[in-house]
Amino acid sequence: MPPDLWNFSLNIYAQPGVEHACLQLQASGANVCTLLCGAWLGHRGVLCSPDRLSDIRQLAAPWYDDVVQPLRAMRVRWRDAAADDSDLNAVREQIKRLELEAERTLLSRLETLTQKWPGGVSQDMTPWLEELAADAAKENHDALQVLRVAANQI
């Protein structure tokens, strides 16, 4: 298993069906970075608790809402126009790289927050994923299952 959250996330995302599952969860309002963190914590055997969930949410929400989401919204908004405008497409690609870097920064911050939480032998990531997905879990149970299976294969 990759020791760091970024490489763990890259390995999960490369699994078949995970990109689509993450996009479904994201479209339903889930923060995919916190879900990947939850999968990593579950994989490490870190027990899920209300305090830990709160810590993750408090750290992630401002960065996600103020940095990641605005970049994503701009990139998505320009998708159609950029298809016919090479200059706009070049700027859109820069925005896409910034969005990815913002997500990587968020994952790094989440790793720093959670790295010292003790792990164990149990690798049950279900509580992490269901709690962090919140309402998106109800609509996308199958997508969460894809993420869970992929994480267990790493």
N, C-alpha and C. Protein backbone atom coordinates (compact mmCIF):
# COMPACT_ATOMS: atom_id res chain seq x y z
N MET A 1 0.84 -1.18 0.00
CA MET A 1 0.00 0.00 0.00
C MET A 1 0.88 1.24 0.00
N PRO A 2 0.59 2.20 -0.85
CA PRO A 2 1.34 3.46 -0.80
C PRO A 2 1.18 4.11 0.57
N PRO A 3 2.27 4.58 1.16
CA PRO A 3 2.18 5.15 2.50
C PRO A 3 1.51 6.52 2.55
N ASP A 4 1.53 7.24 1.45
CA ASP A 4 0.97 8.59 1.48
C ASP A 4 -0.39 8.62 0.78
N LEU A 5 -1.19 9.58 1.20
CA LEU A 5 -2.56 9.70 0.71
C LEU A 5 -2.62 10.02 -0.78
N TRP A 6 -1.71 10.85 -1.28
CA TRP A 6 -1.73 11.21 -2.70
C TRP A 6 -1.56 9.97 -3.58
N ASN A 7 -0.53 9.16 -3.32
CA ASN A 7 -0.29 7.98 -4.15
C ASN A 7 -1.37 6.92 -3.94
N PHE A 8 -1.88 6.80 -2.74
CA PHE A 8 -3.01 5.91 -2.50
C PHE A 8 -4.19 6.34 -3.37
N SER A 9 -4.45 7.64 -3.40
CA SER A 9 -5.56 8.18 -4.19
C SER A 9 -5.35 7.94 -5.68
N LEU A 10 -4.13 8.14 -6.16
CA LEU A 10 -3.84 7.88 -7.57
C LEU A 10 -4.06 6.42 -7.92
N ASN A 11 -3.64 5.53 -7.02
CA ASN A 11 -3.83 4.10 -7.26
C ASN A 11 -5.29 3.71 -7.29
N ILE A 12 -6.09 4.27 -6.40
CA ILE A 12 -7.53 3.98 -6.41
C ILE A 12 -8.15 4.53 -7.69
N TYR A 13 -7.83 5.76 -8.02
CA TYR A 13 -8.44 6.42 -9.18
C TYR A 13 -8.14 5.68 -10.48
N ALA A 14 -7.02 4.96 -10.51
CA ALA A 14 -6.63 4.22 -11.72
C ALA A 14 -7.40 2.91 -11.87
N GLN A 15 -8.12 2.49 -10.84
CA GLN A 15 -8.87 1.23 -10.89
C GLN A 15 -10.10 1.40 -11.81
N PRO A 16 -10.49 0.33 -12.50
CA PRO A 16 -11.65 0.40 -13.39
C PRO A 16 -12.92 0.86 -12.65
N GLY A 17 -13.62 1.81 -13.26
CA GLY A 17 -14.88 2.28 -12.75
C GLY A 17 -14.81 3.34 -11.67
N VAL A 18 -13.62 3.58 -11.12
CA VAL A 18 -13.51 4.52 -10.00
C VAL A 18 -13.71 5.96 -10.44
N GLU A 19 -13.15 6.35 -11.57
CA GLU A 19 -13.32 7.72 -12.03
C GLU A 19 -14.81 8.04 -12.18
N HIS A 20 -15.53 7.15 -12.83
CA HIS A 20 -16.97 7.37 -13.02
C HIS A 20 -17.70 7.43 -11.67
N ALA A 21 -17.36 6.52 -10.77
CA ALA A 21 -17.98 6.50 -9.44
C ALA A 21 -17.70 7.81 -8.69
N CYS A 22 -16.47 8.29 -8.76
CA CYS A 22 -16.12 9.54 -8.08
C CYS A 22 -16.87 10.73 -8.69
N LEU A 23 -17.01 10.75 -10.00
CA LEU A 23 -17.75 11.83 -10.65
C LEU A 23 -19.23 11.80 -10.25
N GLN A 24 -19.80 10.61 -10.10
CA GLN A 24 -21.18 10.49 -9.64
C GLN A 24 -21.33 11.05 -8.23
N LEU A 25 -20.42 10.65 -7.36
CA LEU A 25 -20.47 11.12 -5.97
C LEU A 25 -20.27 12.62 -5.90
N GLN A 26 -19.34 13.12 -6.69
CA GLN A 26 -19.07 14.56 -6.75
C GLN A 26 -20.30 15.33 -7.23
N ALA A 27 -20.96 14.80 -8.25
CA ALA A 27 -22.16 15.46 -8.78
C ALA A 27 -23.29 15.49 -7.75
N SER A 28 -23.25 14.57 -6.80
CA SER A 28 -24.26 14.53 -5.74
C SER A 28 -23.85 15.33 -4.51
N GLY A 29 -22.73 16.02 -4.61
CA GLY A 29 -22.31 16.90 -3.52
C GLY A 29 -21.23 16.36 -2.61
N ALA A 30 -20.72 15.18 -2.88
CA ALA A 30 -19.66 14.62 -2.04
C ALA A 30 -18.32 15.26 -2.38
N ASN A 31 -17.48 15.39 -1.38
CA ASN A 31 -16.11 15.86 -1.55
C ASN A 31 -15.26 14.61 -1.77
N VAL A 32 -14.83 14.39 -2.98
CA VAL A 32 -14.09 13.17 -3.31
C VAL A 32 -12.77 13.10 -2.56
N CYS A 33 -12.15 14.23 -2.29
CA CYS A 33 -10.89 14.21 -1.53
C CYS A 33 -11.10 13.64 -0.13
N THR A 34 -12.19 14.01 0.53
CA THR A 34 -12.43 13.46 1.86
C THR A 34 -12.80 11.98 1.77
N LEU A 35 -13.49 11.58 0.71
CA LEU A 35 -13.80 10.16 0.53
C LEU A 35 -12.52 9.35 0.33
N LEU A 36 -11.60 9.87 -0.47
CA LEU A 36 -10.33 9.17 -0.68
C LEU A 36 -9.55 9.09 0.63
N CYS A 37 -9.61 10.17 1.41
CA CYS A 37 -8.97 10.16 2.72
C CYS A 37 -9.62 9.11 3.61
N GLY A 38 -10.94 9.03 3.59
CA GLY A 38 -11.64 8.03 4.38
C GLY A 38 -11.27 6.61 3.99
N ALA A 39 -11.15 6.37 2.68
CA ALA A 39 -10.73 5.05 2.21
C ALA A 39 -9.32 4.73 2.70
N TRP A 40 -8.44 5.73 2.65
CA TRP A 40 -7.05 5.57 3.12
C TRP A 40 -7.03 5.26 4.62
N LEU A 41 -7.82 6.00 5.38
CA LEU A 41 -7.87 5.76 6.83
C LEU A 41 -8.42 4.37 7.13
N GLY A 42 -9.50 3.99 6.45
CA GLY A 42 -10.06 2.66 6.65
C GLY A 42 -9.07 1.58 6.28
N HIS A 43 -8.35 1.81 5.19
CA HIS A 43 -7.35 0.84 4.73
C HIS A 43 -6.24 0.69 5.76
N ARG A 44 -5.93 1.77 6.45
CA ARG A 44 -4.89 1.75 7.50
C ARG A 44 -5.43 1.21 8.82
N GLY A 45 -6.74 0.97 8.89
CA GLY A 45 -7.34 0.45 10.12
C GLY A 45 -7.62 1.51 11.16
N VAL A 46 -7.67 2.77 10.75
CA VAL A 46 -7.99 3.86 11.67
C VAL A 46 -9.49 3.83 11.93
N LEU A 47 -9.86 3.84 13.20
CA LEU A 47 -11.27 3.79 13.56
C LEU A 47 -11.94 5.13 13.27
N CYS A 48 -13.14 5.05 12.73
CA CYS A 48 -13.95 6.23 12.43
C CYS A 48 -14.64 6.68 13.71
N SER A 49 -14.60 7.99 13.98
CA SER A 49 -15.29 8.53 15.15
C SER A 49 -15.88 9.88 14.79
N PRO A 50 -16.89 10.32 15.53
CA PRO A 50 -17.49 11.63 15.25
C PRO A 50 -16.47 12.77 15.32
N ASP A 51 -15.55 12.72 16.29
CA ASP A 51 -14.54 13.78 16.40
C ASP A 51 -13.61 13.81 15.20
N ARG A 52 -13.21 12.65 14.74
CA ARG A 52 -12.32 12.57 13.58
C ARG A 52 -13.04 13.04 12.32
N LEU A 53 -14.29 12.64 12.17
CA LEU A 53 -15.07 13.10 11.02
C LEU A 53 -15.20 14.61 11.03
N SER A 54 -15.46 15.16 12.21
CA SER A 54 -15.58 16.61 12.35
C SER A 54 -14.26 17.30 12.00
N ASP A 55 -13.16 16.76 12.47
CA ASP A 55 -11.84 17.34 12.16
C ASP A 55 -11.59 17.37 10.65
N ILE A 56 -11.93 16.28 9.99
CA ILE A 56 -11.74 16.19 8.53
C ILE A 56 -12.62 17.23 7.83
N ARG A 57 -13.87 17.29 8.22
CA ARG A 57 -14.79 18.24 7.58
C ARG A 57 -14.37 19.69 7.81
N GLN A 58 -13.96 20.00 9.03
CA GLN A 58 -13.55 21.37 9.35
C GLN A 58 -12.30 21.78 8.58
N LEU A 59 -11.39 20.85 8.38
CA LEU A 59 -10.20 21.17 7.61
C LEU A 59 -10.53 21.28 6.12
N ALA A 60 -11.32 20.37 5.60
CA ALA A 60 -11.54 20.26 4.16
C ALA A 60 -12.50 21.31 3.60
N ALA A 61 -13.54 21.62 4.33
CA ALA A 61 -14.62 22.45 3.77
C ALA A 61 -14.15 23.81 3.25
N PRO A 62 -13.40 24.58 4.02
CA PRO A 62 -13.01 25.91 3.49
C PRO A 62 -12.17 25.83 2.22
N TRP A 63 -11.21 24.93 2.20
CA TRP A 63 -10.34 24.80 1.02
C TRP A 63 -11.14 24.31 -0.18
N TYR A 64 -11.96 23.32 0.05
CA TYR A 64 -12.78 22.75 -1.03
C TYR A 64 -13.75 23.80 -1.57
N ASP A 65 -14.44 24.49 -0.66
CA ASP A 65 -15.45 25.47 -1.07
C ASP A 65 -14.86 26.72 -1.70
N ASP A 66 -13.72 27.18 -1.19
CA ASP A 66 -13.16 28.46 -1.62
C ASP A 66 -12.10 28.33 -2.71
N VAL A 67 -11.52 27.14 -2.88
CA VAL A 67 -10.45 26.98 -3.86
C VAL A 67 -10.82 25.95 -4.93
N VAL A 68 -11.08 24.72 -4.52
CA VAL A 68 -11.33 23.64 -5.49
C VAL A 68 -12.61 23.89 -6.29
N GLN A 69 -13.70 24.14 -5.60
CA GLN A 69 -15.00 24.30 -6.28
C GLN A 69 -15.02 25.46 -7.29
N PRO A 70 -14.51 26.64 -6.95
CA PRO A 70 -14.52 27.72 -7.95
C PRO A 70 -13.69 27.39 -9.19
N LEU A 71 -12.56 26.73 -8.99
CA LEU A 71 -11.76 26.33 -10.15
C LEU A 71 -12.52 25.33 -11.01
N ARG A 72 -13.14 24.36 -10.36
CA ARG A 72 -13.91 23.34 -11.09
C ARG A 72 -15.08 23.99 -11.84
N ALA A 73 -15.77 24.89 -11.17
CA ALA A 73 -16.94 25.54 -11.80
C ALA A 73 -16.51 26.31 -13.05
N MET A 74 -15.39 27.00 -12.97
CA MET A 74 -14.91 27.76 -14.12
C MET A 74 -14.53 26.81 -15.26
N ARG A 75 -13.81 25.76 -14.93
CA ARG A 75 -13.40 24.79 -15.95
C ARG A 75 -14.61 24.17 -16.63
N VAL A 76 -15.60 23.78 -15.86
CA VAL A 76 -16.80 23.15 -16.43
C VAL A 76 -17.59 24.16 -17.26
N ARG A 77 -17.71 25.38 -16.75
CA ARG A 77 -18.47 26.42 -17.46
C ARG A 77 -17.85 26.71 -18.83
N TRP A 78 -16.55 26.59 -18.95
CA TRP A 78 -15.87 26.90 -20.21
C TRP A 78 -15.74 25.71 -21.16
N ARG A 79 -16.24 24.54 -20.77
CA ARG A 79 -16.04 23.33 -21.57
C ARG A 79 -16.51 23.50 -23.00
N ASP A 80 -17.75 23.91 -23.21
CA ASP A 80 -18.30 24.01 -24.56
C ASP A 80 -17.61 25.11 -25.37
N ALA A 81 -17.44 26.27 -24.77
CA ALA A 81 -16.81 27.39 -25.48
C ALA A 81 -15.36 27.07 -25.86
N ALA A 82 -14.67 26.33 -25.01
CA ALA A 82 -13.26 26.01 -25.26
C ALA A 82 -13.08 25.02 -26.42
N ALA A 83 -14.14 24.31 -26.75
CA ALA A 83 -14.06 23.37 -27.87
C ALA A 83 -13.81 24.09 -29.19
N ASP A 84 -14.27 25.35 -29.29
CA ASP A 84 -14.14 26.12 -30.52
C ASP A 84 -13.14 27.26 -30.41
N ASP A 85 -12.47 27.38 -29.27
CA ASP A 85 -11.57 28.51 -29.04
C ASP A 85 -10.27 27.98 -28.42
N SER A 86 -9.24 27.88 -29.24
CA SER A 86 -7.98 27.28 -28.77
C SER A 86 -7.34 28.09 -27.65
N ASP A 87 -7.49 29.42 -27.68
CA ASP A 87 -6.93 30.23 -26.60
C ASP A 87 -7.65 29.93 -25.28
N LEU A 88 -8.97 29.89 -25.34
CA LEU A 88 -9.74 29.59 -24.14
C LEU A 88 -9.45 28.17 -23.67
N ASN A 89 -9.28 27.25 -24.61
CA ASN A 89 -8.96 25.87 -24.24
C ASN A 89 -7.62 25.80 -23.51
N ALA A 90 -6.64 26.58 -23.95
CA ALA A 90 -5.33 26.60 -23.27
C ALA A 90 -5.47 27.11 -21.84
N VAL A 91 -6.27 28.16 -21.66
CA VAL A 91 -6.50 28.69 -20.31
C VAL A 91 -7.27 27.67 -19.48
N ARG A 92 -8.24 27.02 -20.10
CA ARG A 92 -9.03 26.00 -19.39
C ARG A 92 -8.12 24.86 -18.93
N GLU A 93 -7.17 24.47 -19.74
CA GLU A 93 -6.22 23.41 -19.34
C GLU A 93 -5.36 23.87 -18.16
N GLN A 94 -5.01 25.15 -18.12
CA GLN A 94 -4.28 25.68 -16.97
C GLN A 94 -5.14 25.62 -15.71
N ILE A 95 -6.41 25.96 -15.86
CA ILE A 95 -7.35 25.88 -14.74
C ILE A 95 -7.46 24.44 -14.25
N LYS A 96 -7.50 23.52 -15.19
CA LYS A 96 -7.59 22.10 -14.84
C LYS A 96 -6.37 21.67 -14.02
N ARG A 97 -5.19 22.12 -14.42
CA ARG A 97 -3.98 21.80 -13.66
C ARG A 97 -4.01 22.43 -12.28
N LEU A 98 -4.51 23.66 -12.19
CA LEU A 98 -4.65 24.32 -10.88
C LEU A 98 -5.65 23.58 -9.99
N GLU A 99 -6.73 23.13 -10.57
CA GLU A 99 -7.72 22.37 -9.81
C GLU A 99 -7.10 21.09 -9.24
N LEU A 100 -6.35 20.39 -10.06
CA LEU A 100 -5.67 19.17 -9.60
C LEU A 100 -4.67 19.49 -8.50
N GLU A 101 -3.93 20.58 -8.65
CA GLU A 101 -2.97 20.98 -7.62
C GLU A 101 -3.70 21.37 -6.33
N ALA A 102 -4.84 22.00 -6.44
CA ALA A 102 -5.64 22.35 -5.26
C ALA A 102 -6.12 21.09 -4.56
N GLU A 103 -6.52 20.08 -5.32
CA GLU A 103 -6.94 18.81 -4.73
C GLU A 103 -5.76 18.12 -4.06
N ARG A 104 -4.62 18.18 -4.71
CA ARG A 104 -3.42 17.56 -4.12
C ARG A 104 -3.05 18.25 -2.81
N THR A 105 -3.18 19.56 -2.77
CA THR A 105 -2.91 20.31 -1.55
C THR A 105 -3.88 19.91 -0.45
N LEU A 106 -5.15 19.76 -0.79
CA LEU A 106 -6.14 19.35 0.19
C LEU A 106 -5.81 17.96 0.72
N LEU A 107 -5.45 17.04 -0.16
CA LEU A 107 -5.08 15.70 0.28
C LEU A 107 -3.86 15.74 1.20
N SER A 108 -2.91 16.60 0.88
CA SER A 108 -1.72 16.74 1.73
C SER A 108 -2.11 17.26 3.12
N ARG A 109 -3.00 18.22 3.15
CA ARG A 109 -3.46 18.76 4.44
C ARG A 109 -4.22 17.70 5.23
N LEU A 110 -5.04 16.92 4.54
CA LEU A 110 -5.76 15.85 5.22
C LEU A 110 -4.80 14.79 5.75
N GLU A 111 -3.79 14.48 4.98
CA GLU A 111 -2.79 13.51 5.44
C GLU A 111 -2.08 14.01 6.69
N THR A 112 -1.68 15.27 6.68
CA THR A 112 -1.01 15.85 7.84
C THR A 112 -1.91 15.77 9.07
N LEU A 113 -3.18 16.11 8.90
CA LEU A 113 -4.13 16.07 10.01
C LEU A 113 -4.27 14.67 10.59
N THR A 114 -4.34 13.66 9.72
CA THR A 114 -4.74 12.32 10.14
C THR A 114 -3.59 11.33 10.32
N GLN A 115 -2.41 11.70 9.91
CA GLN A 115 -1.30 10.75 9.85
C GLN A 115 -0.98 10.12 11.21
N LYS A 116 -1.16 10.84 12.29
CA LYS A 116 -0.80 10.32 13.61
C LYS A 116 -1.94 9.55 14.28
N TRP A 117 -3.11 9.50 13.62
CA TRP A 117 -4.19 8.72 14.19
C TRP A 117 -3.80 7.25 14.12
N PRO A 118 -3.87 6.53 15.25
CA PRO A 118 -3.39 5.14 15.25
C PRO A 118 -4.24 4.24 14.38
N GLY A 119 -3.55 3.35 13.69
CA GLY A 119 -4.21 2.37 12.85
C GLY A 119 -4.30 1.04 13.57
N GLY A 120 -4.90 0.10 12.92
CA GLY A 120 -5.06 -1.24 13.49
C GLY A 120 -5.07 -2.26 12.38
N VAL A 121 -5.56 -3.42 12.69
CA VAL A 121 -5.58 -4.49 11.70
C VAL A 121 -6.86 -4.49 10.87
N SER A 122 -7.93 -3.95 11.43
CA SER A 122 -9.20 -3.91 10.71
C SER A 122 -9.11 -2.92 9.56
N GLN A 123 -9.65 -3.29 8.44
CA GLN A 123 -9.63 -2.41 7.28
C GLN A 123 -11.05 -2.11 6.82
N ASP A 124 -11.91 -1.77 7.76
CA ASP A 124 -13.29 -1.47 7.42
C ASP A 124 -13.43 0.01 7.11
N MET A 125 -13.54 0.33 5.84
CA MET A 125 -13.66 1.73 5.44
C MET A 125 -15.11 2.15 5.27
N THR A 126 -16.05 1.23 5.45
CA THR A 126 -17.46 1.53 5.26
C THR A 126 -17.93 2.72 6.10
N PRO A 127 -17.64 2.76 7.42
CA PRO A 127 -18.09 3.92 8.19
C PRO A 127 -17.52 5.24 7.67
N TRP A 128 -16.25 5.23 7.31
CA TRP A 128 -15.63 6.44 6.78
C TRP A 128 -16.35 6.90 5.52
N LEU A 129 -16.51 5.99 4.57
CA LEU A 129 -17.10 6.36 3.29
C LEU A 129 -18.55 6.80 3.43
N GLU A 130 -19.32 6.07 4.20
CA GLU A 130 -20.74 6.42 4.34
C GLU A 130 -20.92 7.74 5.06
N GLU A 131 -20.14 7.99 6.09
CA GLU A 131 -20.27 9.25 6.84
C GLU A 131 -19.77 10.44 6.02
N LEU A 132 -18.64 10.27 5.33
CA LEU A 132 -18.09 11.39 4.56
C LEU A 132 -18.89 11.67 3.29
N ALA A 133 -19.55 10.64 2.75
CA ALA A 133 -20.39 10.85 1.56
C ALA A 133 -21.70 11.51 1.94
N ALA A 134 -22.15 11.29 3.17
CA ALA A 134 -23.40 11.87 3.68
C ALA A 134 -24.57 11.59 2.74
N ASP A 135 -25.25 12.62 2.29
CA ASP A 135 -26.43 12.45 1.44
C ASP A 135 -26.10 11.80 0.10
N ALA A 136 -24.90 12.01 -0.40
CA ALA A 136 -24.51 11.40 -1.67
C ALA A 136 -24.48 9.88 -1.57
N ALA A 137 -24.29 9.35 -0.36
CA ALA A 137 -24.27 7.90 -0.17
C ALA A 137 -25.62 7.28 -0.46
N LYS A 138 -26.69 7.99 -0.13
CA LYS A 138 -28.04 7.47 -0.35
C LYS A 138 -28.33 7.31 -1.84
N GLU A 139 -27.88 8.28 -2.61
CA GLU A 139 -28.14 8.27 -4.05
C GLU A 139 -27.15 7.41 -4.82
N ASN A 140 -25.98 7.18 -4.24
CA ASN A 140 -24.89 6.54 -4.99
C ASN A 140 -24.24 5.40 -4.23
N HIS A 141 -25.07 4.53 -3.67
CA HIS A 141 -24.53 3.41 -2.91
C HIS A 141 -23.60 2.56 -3.78
N ASP A 142 -23.97 2.35 -5.03
CA ASP A 142 -23.13 1.54 -5.93
C ASP A 142 -21.78 2.21 -6.18
N ALA A 143 -21.78 3.53 -6.31
CA ALA A 143 -20.52 4.25 -6.53
C ALA A 143 -19.61 4.11 -5.31
N LEU A 144 -20.18 4.19 -4.12
CA LEU A 144 -19.38 3.98 -2.90
C LEU A 144 -18.81 2.58 -2.86
N GLN A 145 -19.60 1.61 -3.32
CA GLN A 145 -19.13 0.23 -3.34
C GLN A 145 -17.95 0.08 -4.31
N VAL A 146 -18.00 0.74 -5.44
CA VAL A 146 -16.88 0.70 -6.39
C VAL A 146 -15.62 1.25 -5.72
N LEU A 147 -15.76 2.36 -5.03
CA LEU A 147 -14.63 2.97 -4.33
C LEU A 147 -14.10 2.03 -3.24
N ARG A 148 -14.99 1.43 -2.49
CA ARG A 148 -14.61 0.50 -1.41
C ARG A 148 -13.85 -0.70 -1.97
N VAL A 149 -14.35 -1.30 -3.03
CA VAL A 149 -13.69 -2.47 -3.64
C VAL A 149 -12.31 -2.09 -4.17
N ALA A 150 -12.24 -0.95 -4.86
CA ALA A 150 -10.95 -0.51 -5.40
C ALA A 150 -9.92 -0.30 -4.30
N ALA A 151 -10.34 0.32 -3.21
CA ALA A 151 -9.42 0.58 -2.10
C ALA A 151 -8.94 -0.72 -1.47
N ASN A 152 -9.82 -1.70 -1.41
CA ASN A 152 -9.44 -2.99 -0.82
C ASN A 152 -8.47 -3.76 -1.71
N GLN A 153 -8.37 -3.41 -2.98
CA GLN A 153 -7.46 -4.10 -3.89
C GLN A 153 -6.05 -3.53 -3.86
N ILE A 154 -5.89 -2.43 -3.17
CA ILE A 154 -4.56 -1.80 -3.11
C ILE A 154 -3.77 -2.40 -1.97
